[in-house]
Amino acid sequence: MSSRGIAFDYSSPAELFLSRRRGRHTEYRRFATAAEAISHAVGELSTRRSLSAWMLVGDERFNKDEINRLYDDDDYPLRTPLSPERGGAE
């Protein structure tokens, strides 16, 4: 259990869907681990290349807010320094 009360296996395979425009193009990618999918989603969302994201891990679906919470969790294994947009120092 993480410090935020999230029970999540970052090593599980994941499917990620990124939407660039409403009703238009949706990008689909499979990742060996959910941690890699989360990293990719956060990068895409922070650069505004994508408007929305959702991730499927097993039978569980996570929206972009939930993906960001998983990324911000202390248990997230691919931690990198925060960018200014995500609250880090410039």
C-alpha atoms as a PDB file:
ATOM      1  CA  MET A   1       0.000   0.000   0.000  1.00  0.00           C
ATOM      2  CA  SER A   2       1.399   3.373  -0.966  1.00  0.00           C
ATOM      3  CA  SER A   3       1.566   6.485   1.200  1.00  0.00           C
ATOM      4  CA  ARG A   4      -1.559   7.769  -0.572  1.00  0.00           C
ATOM      5  CA  GLY A   5      -3.525   4.589   0.064  1.00  0.00           C
ATOM      6  CA  ILE A   6      -3.228   3.315  -3.504  1.00  0.00           C
ATOM      7  CA  ALA A   7      -2.701  -0.421  -3.988  1.00  0.00           C
ATOM      8  CA  PHE A   8      -1.189  -0.582  -7.466  1.00  0.00           C
ATOM      9  CA  ASP A   9       1.278  -2.870  -9.264  1.00  0.00           C
ATOM     10  CA  TYR A  10       3.451  -0.636 -11.445  1.00  0.00           C
ATOM     11  CA  SER A  11       5.044  -3.728 -13.031  1.00  0.00           C
ATOM     12  CA  SER A  12       1.772  -4.910 -14.623  1.00  0.00           C
ATOM     13  CA  PRO A  13       1.370  -4.611 -18.409  1.00  0.00           C
ATOM     14  CA  ALA A  14      -0.722  -1.631 -19.492  1.00  0.00           C
ATOM     15  CA  GLU A  15      -2.551  -0.223 -22.478  1.00  0.00           C
ATOM     16  CA  LEU A  16      -2.596   3.535 -22.973  1.00  0.00           C
ATOM     17  CA  PHE A  17      -4.999   5.621 -25.027  1.00  0.00           C
ATOM     18  CA  LEU A  18      -4.167   9.261 -25.793  1.00  0.00           C
ATOM     19  CA  SER A  19      -6.656  11.577 -27.453  1.00  0.00           C
ATOM     20  CA  ARG A  20      -5.327  14.535 -29.371  1.00  0.00           C
ATOM     21  CA  ARG A  21      -8.628  16.158 -30.283  1.00  0.00           C
ATOM     22  CA  ARG A  22     -12.181  15.459 -29.270  1.00  0.00           C
ATOM     23  CA  GLY A  23     -13.656  12.778 -31.462  1.00  0.00           C
ATOM     24  CA  ARG A  24     -10.603  12.728 -33.689  1.00  0.00           C
ATOM     25  CA  HIS A  25      -7.410  10.727 -33.472  1.00  0.00           C
ATOM     26  CA  THR A  26      -6.787   8.366 -30.543  1.00  0.00           C
ATOM     27  CA  GLU A  27      -3.310   6.905 -30.137  1.00  0.00           C
ATOM     28  CA  TYR A  28      -3.060   3.398 -28.694  1.00  0.00           C
ATOM     29  CA  ARG A  29       0.108   1.901 -27.221  1.00  0.00           C
ATOM     30  CA  ARG A  30       0.899  -1.178 -25.171  1.00  0.00           C
ATOM     31  CA  PHE A  31       3.601  -1.053 -22.505  1.00  0.00           C
ATOM     32  CA  ALA A  32       5.430  -3.834 -20.682  1.00  0.00           C
ATOM     33  CA  THR A  33       4.804  -2.011 -17.406  1.00  0.00           C
ATOM     34  CA  ALA A  34       2.235   0.447 -16.115  1.00  0.00           C
ATOM     35  CA  ALA A  35       5.105   2.621 -14.858  1.00  0.00           C
ATOM     36  CA  GLU A  36       6.297   3.106 -18.446  1.00  0.00           C
ATOM     37  CA  ALA A  37       2.761   3.889 -19.633  1.00  0.00           C
ATOM     38  CA  ILE A  38       2.315   6.426 -16.835  1.00  0.00           C
ATOM     39  CA  SER A  39       5.622   8.102 -17.703  1.00  0.00           C
ATOM     40  CA  HIS A  40       4.641   8.356 -21.369  1.00  0.00           C
ATOM     41  CA  ALA A  41       1.146   9.688 -20.555  1.00  0.00           C
ATOM     42  CA  VAL A  42       2.420  12.345 -18.153  1.00  0.00           C
ATOM     43  CA  GLY A  43       4.990  13.485 -20.719  1.00  0.00           C
ATOM     44  CA  GLU A  44       2.370  13.732 -23.459  1.00  0.00           C
ATOM     45  CA  LEU A  45      -0.146  15.547 -21.252  1.00  0.00           C
ATOM     46  CA  SER A  46       2.401  18.012 -19.853  1.00  0.00           C
ATOM     47  CA  THR A  47       3.492  19.095 -23.335  1.00  0.00           C
ATOM     48  CA  ARG A  48      -0.152  19.424 -24.371  1.00  0.00           C
ATOM     49  CA  ARG A  49       0.342  17.123 -27.338  1.00  0.00           C
ATOM     50  CA  SER A  50      -2.628  15.197 -25.993  1.00  0.00           C
ATOM     51  CA  LEU A  51      -5.822  16.488 -24.445  1.00  0.00           C
ATOM     52  CA  SER A  52      -6.865  13.374 -22.620  1.00  0.00           C
ATOM     53  CA  ALA A  53      -5.575   9.970 -21.603  1.00  0.00           C
ATOM     54  CA  TRP A  54      -6.792   6.770 -20.082  1.00  0.00           C
ATOM     55  CA  MET A  55      -4.947   3.624 -19.165  1.00  0.00           C
ATOM     56  CA  LEU A  56      -6.116   0.042 -18.879  1.00  0.00           C
ATOM     57  CA  VAL A  57      -4.293  -2.261 -16.447  1.00  0.00           C
ATOM     58  CA  GLY A  58      -5.963  -5.654 -16.335  1.00  0.00           C
ATOM     59  CA  ASP A  59      -9.652  -4.869 -15.874  1.00  0.00           C
ATOM     60  CA  GLU A  60      -9.051  -1.488 -14.220  1.00  0.00           C
ATOM     61  CA  ARG A  61      -9.359   1.770 -16.128  1.00  0.00           C
ATOM     62  CA  PHE A  62      -7.604   4.970 -15.012  1.00  0.00           C
ATOM     63  CA  ASN A  63      -8.394   8.460 -16.325  1.00  0.00           C
ATOM     64  CA  LYS A  64      -5.804  11.230 -16.711  1.00  0.00           C
ATOM     65  CA  ASP A  65      -6.309  12.510 -13.145  1.00  0.00           C
ATOM     66  CA  GLU A  66      -5.784   9.032 -11.734  1.00  0.00           C
ATOM     67  CA  ILE A  67      -2.704   8.563 -13.945  1.00  0.00           C
ATOM     68  CA  ASN A  68      -1.262  11.801 -12.525  1.00  0.00           C
ATOM     69  CA  ARG A  69      -1.984  10.617  -8.966  1.00  0.00           C
ATOM     70  CA  LEU A  70      -0.159   7.336  -9.656  1.00  0.00           C
ATOM     71  CA  TYR A  71       2.775   9.312 -11.093  1.00  0.00           C
ATOM     72  CA  ASP A  72       2.912  11.575  -8.032  1.00  0.00           C
ATOM     73  CA  ASP A  73       2.724   8.654  -5.591  1.00  0.00           C
ATOM     74  CA  ASP A  74       5.822   7.895  -3.487  1.00  0.00           C
ATOM     75  CA  ASP A  75       5.817   4.303  -4.802  1.00  0.00           C
ATOM     76  CA  TYR A  76       6.128   5.330  -8.462  1.00  0.00           C
ATOM     77  CA  PRO A  77       9.355   3.563  -9.569  1.00  0.00           C
ATOM     78  CA  LEU A  78      10.486   5.822 -12.445  1.00  0.00           C
ATOM     79  CA  ARG A  79      10.775   9.036 -10.429  1.00  0.00           C
ATOM     80  CA  THR A  80      12.422  11.950 -12.205  1.00  0.00           C
ATOM     81  CA  PRO A  81      12.889  15.536 -11.004  1.00  0.00           C
ATOM     82  CA  LEU A  82       9.684  17.522 -11.403  1.00  0.00           C
ATOM     83  CA  SER A  83       9.468  19.978 -14.230  1.00  0.00           C
ATOM     84  CA  PRO A  84       8.354  23.571 -13.466  1.00  0.00           C
ATOM     85  CA  GLU A  85       4.890  22.686 -14.839  1.00  0.00           C
ATOM     86  CA  ARG A  86       4.540  19.898 -12.248  1.00  0.00           C
ATOM     87  CA  GLY A  87       5.737  21.950  -9.269  1.00  0.00           C
ATOM     88  CA  GLY A  88       9.521  21.588  -9.488  1.00  0.00           C
ATOM     89  CA  ALA A  89      12.155  24.330  -9.358  1.00  0.00           C
ATOM     90  CA  GLU A  90      13.345  26.012 -12.523  1.00  0.00           C
END
